[in-house]
Amino acid sequence: MTRNILDEIGQTPIVPLQQIGRGLPVPIYVKCEHLNPGGSVKDRIALAIVEDAEKRGTLKPGMTIIEATAGNTGMGLALVAAARGYKLVCVMPKKDERRQAARIGARGGAGAGDAERGAESSAQFSTGCGAIGKRRGLVFGRSIQESGQCTHS
């Protein structure tokens, strides 16, 4: 039995690729990261980002995490934020807003589409995310570098 859902992140099966590896001198395996608790291949990255920000003291209890995402990073962050007691706001492009906002919301996050931020380009998208961050919390953003290592791009 697991005490915390976050303990299960990364504990996904490693499966041999029997057909693709046939005839090769070495076996080929895949790690099924899509079977993480949040259903996202980015659950592990989201946990690393949050743990690093907590360790450095830039993310503290009561803060809101803001992420410019329309994909799996937002899904992973929603799980981690909910488990750690943080609020999460994901700023996403209008084209992805409805589908991803519903999925992220089901995991405890909130979506703020570009209708609110007016983001038409990636620069505006990042600027909109930063504007929310100044008002409400810590912005992670794209191509994040945490402790000198790129953990997300």
N, C-alpha and C. Protein backbone atom coordinates (compact mmCIF):
# COMPACT_ATOMS: atom_id res chain seq x y z
N MET A 1 0.85 -1.19 0.00
CA MET A 1 0.00 0.00 0.00
C MET A 1 0.89 1.24 0.00
N THR A 2 0.49 2.21 -0.77
CA THR A 2 1.22 3.47 -0.88
C THR A 2 0.66 4.49 0.09
N ARG A 3 1.55 5.21 0.76
CA ARG A 3 1.11 6.25 1.69
C ARG A 3 0.74 7.54 0.95
N ASN A 4 1.39 7.78 -0.18
CA ASN A 4 1.18 9.02 -0.92
C ASN A 4 1.22 8.70 -2.41
N ILE A 5 0.29 9.23 -3.15
CA ILE A 5 0.22 8.97 -4.59
C ILE A 5 1.52 9.35 -5.30
N LEU A 6 2.21 10.36 -4.78
CA LEU A 6 3.45 10.81 -5.42
C LEU A 6 4.55 9.76 -5.34
N ASP A 7 4.47 8.87 -4.35
CA ASP A 7 5.46 7.79 -4.23
C ASP A 7 5.38 6.82 -5.40
N GLU A 8 4.28 6.82 -6.10
CA GLU A 8 4.09 5.89 -7.22
C GLU A 8 4.58 6.45 -8.56
N ILE A 9 4.91 7.74 -8.58
CA ILE A 9 5.42 8.33 -9.82
C ILE A 9 6.74 7.66 -10.18
N GLY A 10 6.83 7.20 -11.40
CA GLY A 10 8.03 6.53 -11.89
C GLY A 10 8.06 5.04 -11.64
N GLN A 11 7.13 4.54 -10.85
CA GLN A 11 7.07 3.10 -10.56
C GLN A 11 6.24 2.41 -11.64
N THR A 12 6.63 2.63 -12.87
CA THR A 12 5.89 2.11 -14.01
C THR A 12 6.59 0.88 -14.57
N PRO A 13 5.86 0.02 -15.23
CA PRO A 13 6.47 -1.22 -15.72
C PRO A 13 7.47 -1.01 -16.86
N ILE A 14 8.44 -1.89 -16.89
CA ILE A 14 9.39 -1.96 -18.01
C ILE A 14 9.02 -3.22 -18.78
N VAL A 15 8.74 -3.04 -20.06
CA VAL A 15 8.19 -4.13 -20.87
C VAL A 15 9.13 -4.44 -22.04
N PRO A 16 9.41 -5.72 -22.28
CA PRO A 16 10.25 -6.07 -23.43
C PRO A 16 9.46 -5.93 -24.73
N LEU A 17 10.12 -5.44 -25.76
CA LEU A 17 9.51 -5.35 -27.09
C LEU A 17 9.90 -6.62 -27.85
N GLN A 18 9.06 -7.60 -27.76
CA GLN A 18 9.37 -8.91 -28.32
C GLN A 18 9.50 -8.89 -29.84
N GLN A 19 8.57 -8.27 -30.52
CA GLN A 19 8.57 -8.29 -31.98
C GLN A 19 9.64 -7.38 -32.58
N ILE A 20 9.72 -6.17 -32.07
CA ILE A 20 10.69 -5.22 -32.62
C ILE A 20 12.12 -5.70 -32.37
N GLY A 21 12.36 -6.31 -31.22
CA GLY A 21 13.70 -6.77 -30.88
C GLY A 21 14.08 -8.12 -31.46
N ARG A 22 13.17 -8.76 -32.12
CA ARG A 22 13.44 -10.09 -32.66
C ARG A 22 14.65 -10.07 -33.60
N GLY A 23 15.57 -10.98 -33.34
CA GLY A 23 16.75 -11.11 -34.18
C GLY A 23 17.89 -10.18 -33.80
N LEU A 24 17.67 -9.29 -32.87
CA LEU A 24 18.75 -8.40 -32.43
C LEU A 24 19.58 -9.08 -31.34
N PRO A 25 20.84 -8.73 -31.23
CA PRO A 25 21.70 -9.38 -30.24
C PRO A 25 21.42 -8.93 -28.80
N VAL A 26 20.64 -7.87 -28.63
CA VAL A 26 20.30 -7.38 -27.29
C VAL A 26 18.80 -7.17 -27.19
N PRO A 27 18.23 -7.36 -26.00
CA PRO A 27 16.79 -7.11 -25.85
C PRO A 27 16.50 -5.61 -25.85
N ILE A 28 15.30 -5.25 -26.27
CA ILE A 28 14.84 -3.86 -26.25
C ILE A 28 13.67 -3.78 -25.28
N TYR A 29 13.73 -2.80 -24.37
CA TYR A 29 12.69 -2.60 -23.37
C TYR A 29 12.15 -1.17 -23.46
N VAL A 30 10.91 -0.99 -23.05
CA VAL A 30 10.34 0.35 -22.93
C VAL A 30 9.79 0.52 -21.52
N LYS A 31 9.90 1.74 -21.00
CA LYS A 31 9.33 2.06 -19.70
C LYS A 31 8.01 2.76 -19.97
N CYS A 32 6.96 2.25 -19.40
CA CYS A 32 5.59 2.73 -19.68
C CYS A 32 5.24 3.91 -18.79
N GLU A 33 5.86 5.05 -19.06
CA GLU A 33 5.64 6.26 -18.26
C GLU A 33 4.20 6.76 -18.34
N HIS A 34 3.49 6.40 -19.38
CA HIS A 34 2.09 6.82 -19.49
C HIS A 34 1.22 6.18 -18.41
N LEU A 35 1.77 5.21 -17.69
CA LEU A 35 1.02 4.55 -16.61
C LEU A 35 1.31 5.17 -15.24
N ASN A 36 1.91 6.35 -15.23
CA ASN A 36 2.09 7.08 -13.97
C ASN A 36 0.73 7.42 -13.39
N PRO A 37 0.66 7.73 -12.09
CA PRO A 37 -0.64 8.00 -11.44
C PRO A 37 -1.47 9.09 -12.10
N GLY A 38 -0.83 10.12 -12.64
CA GLY A 38 -1.57 11.20 -13.29
C GLY A 38 -1.86 10.92 -14.75
N GLY A 39 -1.42 9.78 -15.23
CA GLY A 39 -1.66 9.41 -16.62
C GLY A 39 -0.80 10.20 -17.59
N SER A 40 0.25 10.82 -17.08
CA SER A 40 1.08 11.68 -17.91
C SER A 40 2.53 11.20 -17.94
N VAL A 41 3.13 11.30 -19.12
CA VAL A 41 4.55 10.98 -19.23
C VAL A 41 5.39 12.05 -18.53
N LYS A 42 4.80 13.16 -18.15
CA LYS A 42 5.53 14.24 -17.48
C LYS A 42 5.31 14.29 -15.96
N ASP A 43 4.68 13.27 -15.38
CA ASP A 43 4.50 13.24 -13.93
C ASP A 43 5.84 13.33 -13.20
N ARG A 44 6.82 12.58 -13.67
CA ARG A 44 8.13 12.54 -13.02
C ARG A 44 8.80 13.92 -13.08
N ILE A 45 8.71 14.57 -14.22
CA ILE A 45 9.30 15.91 -14.39
C ILE A 45 8.59 16.91 -13.49
N ALA A 46 7.27 16.84 -13.43
CA ALA A 46 6.50 17.76 -12.59
C ALA A 46 6.90 17.62 -11.13
N LEU A 47 7.05 16.39 -10.67
CA LEU A 47 7.46 16.16 -9.28
C LEU A 47 8.85 16.72 -9.03
N ALA A 48 9.78 16.51 -9.97
CA ALA A 48 11.14 17.03 -9.81
C ALA A 48 11.16 18.55 -9.76
N ILE A 49 10.36 19.19 -10.60
CA ILE A 49 10.30 20.66 -10.63
C ILE A 49 9.79 21.19 -9.29
N VAL A 50 8.70 20.62 -8.79
CA VAL A 50 8.11 21.09 -7.53
C VAL A 50 9.05 20.81 -6.36
N GLU A 51 9.62 19.61 -6.30
CA GLU A 51 10.54 19.29 -5.20
C GLU A 51 11.74 20.22 -5.20
N ASP A 52 12.28 20.54 -6.37
CA ASP A 52 13.43 21.43 -6.44
C ASP A 52 13.06 22.84 -6.00
N ALA A 53 11.90 23.34 -6.44
CA ALA A 53 11.46 24.68 -6.04
C ALA A 53 11.22 24.75 -4.53
N GLU A 54 10.68 23.68 -3.96
CA GLU A 54 10.48 23.63 -2.50
C GLU A 54 11.83 23.64 -1.78
N LYS A 55 12.75 22.83 -2.27
CA LYS A 55 14.07 22.71 -1.65
C LYS A 55 14.81 24.05 -1.67
N ARG A 56 14.69 24.79 -2.78
CA ARG A 56 15.34 26.10 -2.90
C ARG A 56 14.59 27.20 -2.16
N GLY A 57 13.37 26.92 -1.72
CA GLY A 57 12.58 27.91 -1.00
C GLY A 57 11.82 28.88 -1.89
N THR A 58 11.78 28.62 -3.20
CA THR A 58 11.03 29.52 -4.09
C THR A 58 9.56 29.14 -4.16
N LEU A 59 9.22 27.95 -3.73
CA LEU A 59 7.83 27.51 -3.67
C LEU A 59 7.52 27.19 -2.22
N LYS A 60 6.55 27.91 -1.67
CA LYS A 60 6.22 27.79 -0.25
C LYS A 60 4.73 27.50 -0.09
N PRO A 61 4.34 26.92 1.05
CA PRO A 61 2.92 26.64 1.29
C PRO A 61 2.05 27.87 1.06
N GLY A 62 0.92 27.64 0.42
CA GLY A 62 -0.03 28.72 0.13
C GLY A 62 0.18 29.39 -1.21
N MET A 63 1.32 29.12 -1.86
CA MET A 63 1.58 29.73 -3.17
C MET A 63 0.80 29.02 -4.26
N THR A 64 0.66 29.71 -5.38
CA THR A 64 0.02 29.15 -6.57
C THR A 64 1.09 28.90 -7.61
N ILE A 65 1.04 27.74 -8.24
CA ILE A 65 1.95 27.41 -9.33
C ILE A 65 1.27 27.84 -10.63
N ILE A 66 2.00 28.56 -11.47
CA ILE A 66 1.47 28.96 -12.77
C ILE A 66 2.36 28.35 -13.84
N GLU A 67 1.75 27.68 -14.81
CA GLU A 67 2.49 27.00 -15.88
C GLU A 67 1.86 27.33 -17.22
N ALA A 68 2.69 27.70 -18.18
CA ALA A 68 2.23 27.90 -19.56
C ALA A 68 2.31 26.55 -20.25
N THR A 69 1.18 25.88 -20.37
CA THR A 69 1.17 24.53 -20.94
C THR A 69 -0.19 24.21 -21.51
N ALA A 70 -0.20 23.34 -22.47
CA ALA A 70 -1.46 22.79 -22.96
C ALA A 70 -1.30 21.29 -23.06
N GLY A 71 -0.32 20.76 -22.36
CA GLY A 71 -0.02 19.35 -22.53
C GLY A 71 0.22 18.60 -21.25
N ASN A 72 1.09 17.61 -21.36
CA ASN A 72 1.32 16.67 -20.28
C ASN A 72 1.97 17.27 -19.05
N THR A 73 2.75 18.34 -19.19
CA THR A 73 3.35 18.94 -18.01
C THR A 73 2.26 19.48 -17.09
N GLY A 74 1.25 20.10 -17.65
CA GLY A 74 0.13 20.59 -16.85
C GLY A 74 -0.60 19.47 -16.14
N MET A 75 -0.71 18.33 -16.82
CA MET A 75 -1.37 17.17 -16.21
C MET A 75 -0.56 16.70 -15.00
N GLY A 76 0.74 16.57 -15.18
CA GLY A 76 1.61 16.14 -14.09
C GLY A 76 1.62 17.14 -12.95
N LEU A 77 1.71 18.42 -13.28
CA LEU A 77 1.71 19.45 -12.23
C LEU A 77 0.39 19.48 -11.47
N ALA A 78 -0.72 19.22 -12.14
CA ALA A 78 -2.02 19.20 -11.45
C ALA A 78 -2.02 18.13 -10.37
N LEU A 79 -1.50 16.96 -10.69
CA LEU A 79 -1.44 15.87 -9.71
C LEU A 79 -0.53 16.25 -8.54
N VAL A 80 0.68 16.71 -8.85
CA VAL A 80 1.65 17.04 -7.81
C VAL A 80 1.16 18.21 -6.96
N ALA A 81 0.62 19.25 -7.60
CA ALA A 81 0.12 20.40 -6.85
C ALA A 81 -1.00 20.00 -5.90
N ALA A 82 -1.93 19.19 -6.38
CA ALA A 82 -3.05 18.75 -5.53
C ALA A 82 -2.54 17.93 -4.35
N ALA A 83 -1.60 17.05 -4.60
CA ALA A 83 -1.07 16.20 -3.52
C ALA A 83 -0.27 17.00 -2.50
N ARG A 84 0.37 18.08 -2.94
CA ARG A 84 1.19 18.89 -2.05
C ARG A 84 0.44 20.09 -1.47
N GLY A 85 -0.80 20.30 -1.90
CA GLY A 85 -1.61 21.38 -1.35
C GLY A 85 -1.43 22.73 -2.01
N TYR A 86 -0.89 22.76 -3.22
CA TYR A 86 -0.73 24.02 -3.95
C TYR A 86 -1.89 24.21 -4.91
N LYS A 87 -2.18 25.46 -5.21
CA LYS A 87 -3.11 25.76 -6.30
C LYS A 87 -2.29 25.77 -7.58
N LEU A 88 -2.94 25.44 -8.69
CA LEU A 88 -2.27 25.44 -9.99
C LEU A 88 -3.15 26.16 -11.00
N VAL A 89 -2.54 27.08 -11.75
CA VAL A 89 -3.21 27.73 -12.87
C VAL A 89 -2.38 27.43 -14.11
N CYS A 90 -3.00 26.85 -15.11
CA CYS A 90 -2.33 26.58 -16.38
C CYS A 90 -2.82 27.57 -17.43
N VAL A 91 -1.90 28.32 -18.00
CA VAL A 91 -2.22 29.25 -19.07
C VAL A 91 -2.02 28.47 -20.36
N MET A 92 -3.05 28.43 -21.19
CA MET A 92 -2.97 27.59 -22.40
C MET A 92 -3.53 28.31 -23.61
N PRO A 93 -3.06 27.90 -24.79
CA PRO A 93 -3.59 28.49 -26.01
C PRO A 93 -5.08 28.21 -26.17
N LYS A 94 -5.78 29.11 -26.81
CA LYS A 94 -7.22 28.99 -27.01
C LYS A 94 -7.60 27.66 -27.66
N LYS A 95 -6.81 27.19 -28.62
CA LYS A 95 -7.14 25.96 -29.35
C LYS A 95 -7.14 24.73 -28.44
N ASP A 96 -6.39 24.77 -27.34
CA ASP A 96 -6.31 23.62 -26.44
C ASP A 96 -7.13 23.80 -25.16
N GLU A 97 -7.67 25.00 -24.99
CA GLU A 97 -8.26 25.38 -23.72
C GLU A 97 -9.35 24.44 -23.21
N ARG A 98 -10.35 24.15 -23.98
CA ARG A 98 -11.48 23.36 -23.48
C ARG A 98 -11.08 21.94 -23.10
N ARG A 99 -10.40 21.27 -24.01
CA ARG A 99 -10.02 19.87 -23.78
C ARG A 99 -9.08 19.75 -22.58
N GLN A 100 -8.00 20.52 -22.58
CA GLN A 100 -7.01 20.40 -21.52
C GLN A 100 -7.51 20.98 -20.20
N ALA A 101 -8.27 22.06 -20.24
CA ALA A 101 -8.78 22.65 -19.00
C ALA A 101 -9.63 21.64 -18.25
N ALA A 102 -10.43 20.88 -18.96
CA ALA A 102 -11.26 19.85 -18.32
C ALA A 102 -10.40 18.76 -17.70
N ARG A 103 -9.38 18.33 -18.42
CA ARG A 103 -8.50 17.27 -17.91
C ARG A 103 -7.68 17.75 -16.71
N ILE A 104 -7.16 18.97 -16.81
CA ILE A 104 -6.37 19.53 -15.71
C ILE A 104 -7.27 19.81 -14.52
N GLY A 105 -8.47 20.32 -14.77
CA GLY A 105 -9.42 20.58 -13.69
C GLY A 105 -9.81 19.32 -12.94
N ALA A 106 -9.91 18.21 -13.64
CA ALA A 106 -10.24 16.94 -12.99
C ALA A 106 -9.15 16.51 -12.01
N ARG A 107 -7.96 17.05 -12.19
CA ARG A 107 -6.85 16.71 -11.31
C ARG A 107 -6.57 17.81 -10.28
N GLY A 108 -7.41 18.84 -10.25
CA GLY A 108 -7.28 19.86 -9.22
C GLY A 108 -6.72 21.19 -9.69
N GLY A 109 -6.32 21.31 -10.95
CA GLY A 109 -5.77 22.56 -11.46
C GLY A 109 -6.84 23.43 -12.07
N ALA A 110 -6.45 24.62 -12.49
CA ALA A 110 -7.38 25.53 -13.16
C ALA A 110 -6.74 26.00 -14.45
N GLY A 111 -7.55 26.19 -15.48
CA GLY A 111 -7.03 26.66 -16.76
C GLY A 111 -7.39 28.11 -16.97
N ALA A 112 -6.44 28.87 -17.53
CA ALA A 112 -6.69 30.25 -17.91
C ALA A 112 -6.28 30.37 -19.37
N GLY A 113 -7.23 30.38 -20.26
CA GLY A 113 -6.93 30.39 -21.69
C GLY A 113 -6.46 31.73 -22.17
N ASP A 114 -6.04 31.77 -23.43
CA ASP A 114 -5.51 33.01 -23.96
C ASP A 114 -6.59 34.06 -24.18
N ALA A 115 -7.86 33.69 -24.05
CA ALA A 115 -8.91 34.71 -24.13
C ALA A 115 -8.72 35.69 -22.97
N GLU A 116 -8.32 35.15 -21.81
CA GLU A 116 -8.07 36.01 -20.66
C GLU A 116 -6.76 36.77 -20.82
N ARG A 117 -5.75 36.12 -21.39
CA ARG A 117 -4.42 36.69 -21.46
C ARG A 117 -4.13 37.39 -22.78
N GLY A 118 -4.92 37.11 -23.82
CA GLY A 118 -4.68 37.73 -25.11
C GLY A 118 -3.42 37.22 -25.79
N ALA A 119 -3.04 35.99 -25.54
CA ALA A 119 -1.79 35.45 -26.08
C ALA A 119 -1.98 34.92 -27.48
N GLU A 120 -1.34 35.52 -28.44
CA GLU A 120 -1.41 35.05 -29.82
C GLU A 120 -0.10 34.39 -30.23
N SER A 121 1.00 34.76 -29.62
CA SER A 121 2.29 34.17 -29.97
C SER A 121 2.91 33.58 -28.72
N SER A 122 3.99 32.84 -28.91
CA SER A 122 4.66 32.25 -27.77
C SER A 122 5.18 33.31 -26.82
N ALA A 123 5.67 34.44 -27.36
CA ALA A 123 6.16 35.51 -26.49
C ALA A 123 5.02 36.08 -25.66
N GLN A 124 3.87 36.32 -26.30
CA GLN A 124 2.71 36.83 -25.56
C GLN A 124 2.22 35.79 -24.56
N PHE A 125 2.28 34.53 -24.94
CA PHE A 125 1.87 33.43 -24.07
C PHE A 125 2.69 33.46 -22.79
N SER A 126 4.02 33.57 -22.93
CA SER A 126 4.91 33.61 -21.77
C SER A 126 4.70 34.88 -20.97
N THR A 127 4.49 36.01 -21.66
CA THR A 127 4.23 37.27 -20.97
C THR A 127 2.95 37.18 -20.15
N GLY A 128 1.91 36.60 -20.74
CA GLY A 128 0.65 36.42 -20.02
C GLY A 128 0.82 35.56 -18.79
N CYS A 129 1.59 34.52 -18.92
CA CYS A 129 1.86 33.64 -17.79
C CYS A 129 2.60 34.41 -16.70
N GLY A 130 3.58 35.21 -17.10
CA GLY A 130 4.33 36.01 -16.14
C GLY A 130 3.46 37.03 -15.43
N ALA A 131 2.52 37.61 -16.16
CA ALA A 131 1.61 38.60 -15.56
C ALA A 131 0.75 37.95 -14.48
N ILE A 132 0.26 36.76 -14.75
CA ILE A 132 -0.51 36.04 -13.73
C ILE A 132 0.39 35.73 -12.55
N GLY A 133 1.60 35.31 -12.83
CA GLY A 133 2.54 34.95 -11.78
C GLY A 133 2.85 36.09 -10.84
N LYS A 134 3.01 37.28 -11.38
CA LYS A 134 3.30 38.44 -10.54
C LYS A 134 2.17 38.70 -9.56
N ARG A 135 0.94 38.41 -10.00
CA ARG A 135 -0.22 38.64 -9.14
C ARG A 135 -0.48 37.47 -8.20
N ARG A 136 -0.17 36.23 -8.64
CA ARG A 136 -0.71 35.08 -7.92
C ARG A 136 0.27 34.02 -7.45
N GLY A 137 1.49 33.94 -7.97
CA GLY A 137 2.33 32.84 -7.51
C GLY A 137 3.61 32.66 -8.28
N LEU A 138 4.12 31.43 -8.27
CA LEU A 138 5.38 31.06 -8.87
C LEU A 138 5.16 30.53 -10.28
N VAL A 139 5.88 31.09 -11.25
CA VAL A 139 5.78 30.65 -12.64
C VAL A 139 6.91 29.69 -12.93
N PHE A 140 6.58 28.54 -13.50
CA PHE A 140 7.61 27.60 -13.93
C PHE A 140 7.99 27.88 -15.37
N GLY A 141 7.05 27.85 -16.31
CA GLY A 141 7.31 28.15 -17.70
C GLY A 141 8.00 27.05 -18.48
N ARG A 142 8.30 27.32 -19.75
CA ARG A 142 8.92 26.34 -20.65
C ARG A 142 10.44 26.37 -20.51
N SER A 143 11.06 25.30 -20.95
CA SER A 143 12.52 25.16 -20.92
C SER A 143 13.07 25.54 -19.56
N ILE A 144 12.50 24.97 -18.55
CA ILE A 144 12.85 25.30 -17.18
C ILE A 144 14.22 24.76 -16.83
N GLN A 145 14.97 25.55 -16.14
CA GLN A 145 16.23 25.06 -15.65
C GLN A 145 16.17 25.12 -14.14
N GLU A 146 16.23 23.99 -13.50
CA GLU A 146 16.18 23.91 -12.05
C GLU A 146 17.51 23.36 -11.56
N SER A 147 18.19 24.04 -10.67
CA SER A 147 19.47 23.61 -10.10
C SER A 147 20.49 23.29 -11.18
N GLY A 148 20.52 24.07 -12.24
CA GLY A 148 21.51 23.87 -13.28
C GLY A 148 21.23 22.75 -14.26
N GLN A 149 20.10 22.08 -14.12
CA GLN A 149 19.76 20.99 -15.04
C GLN A 149 18.42 21.28 -15.69
N CYS A 150 18.37 21.11 -16.99
CA CYS A 150 17.11 21.30 -17.70
C CYS A 150 16.21 20.11 -17.39
N THR A 151 15.07 20.35 -16.76
CA THR A 151 14.16 19.27 -16.40
C THR A 151 12.93 19.25 -17.27
N HIS A 152 12.77 20.27 -18.11
CA HIS A 152 11.54 20.36 -18.89
C HIS A 152 11.78 21.25 -20.09
N SER A 153 11.40 20.77 -21.25
CA SER A 153 11.47 21.65 -22.43
C SER A 153 10.44 21.20 -23.43
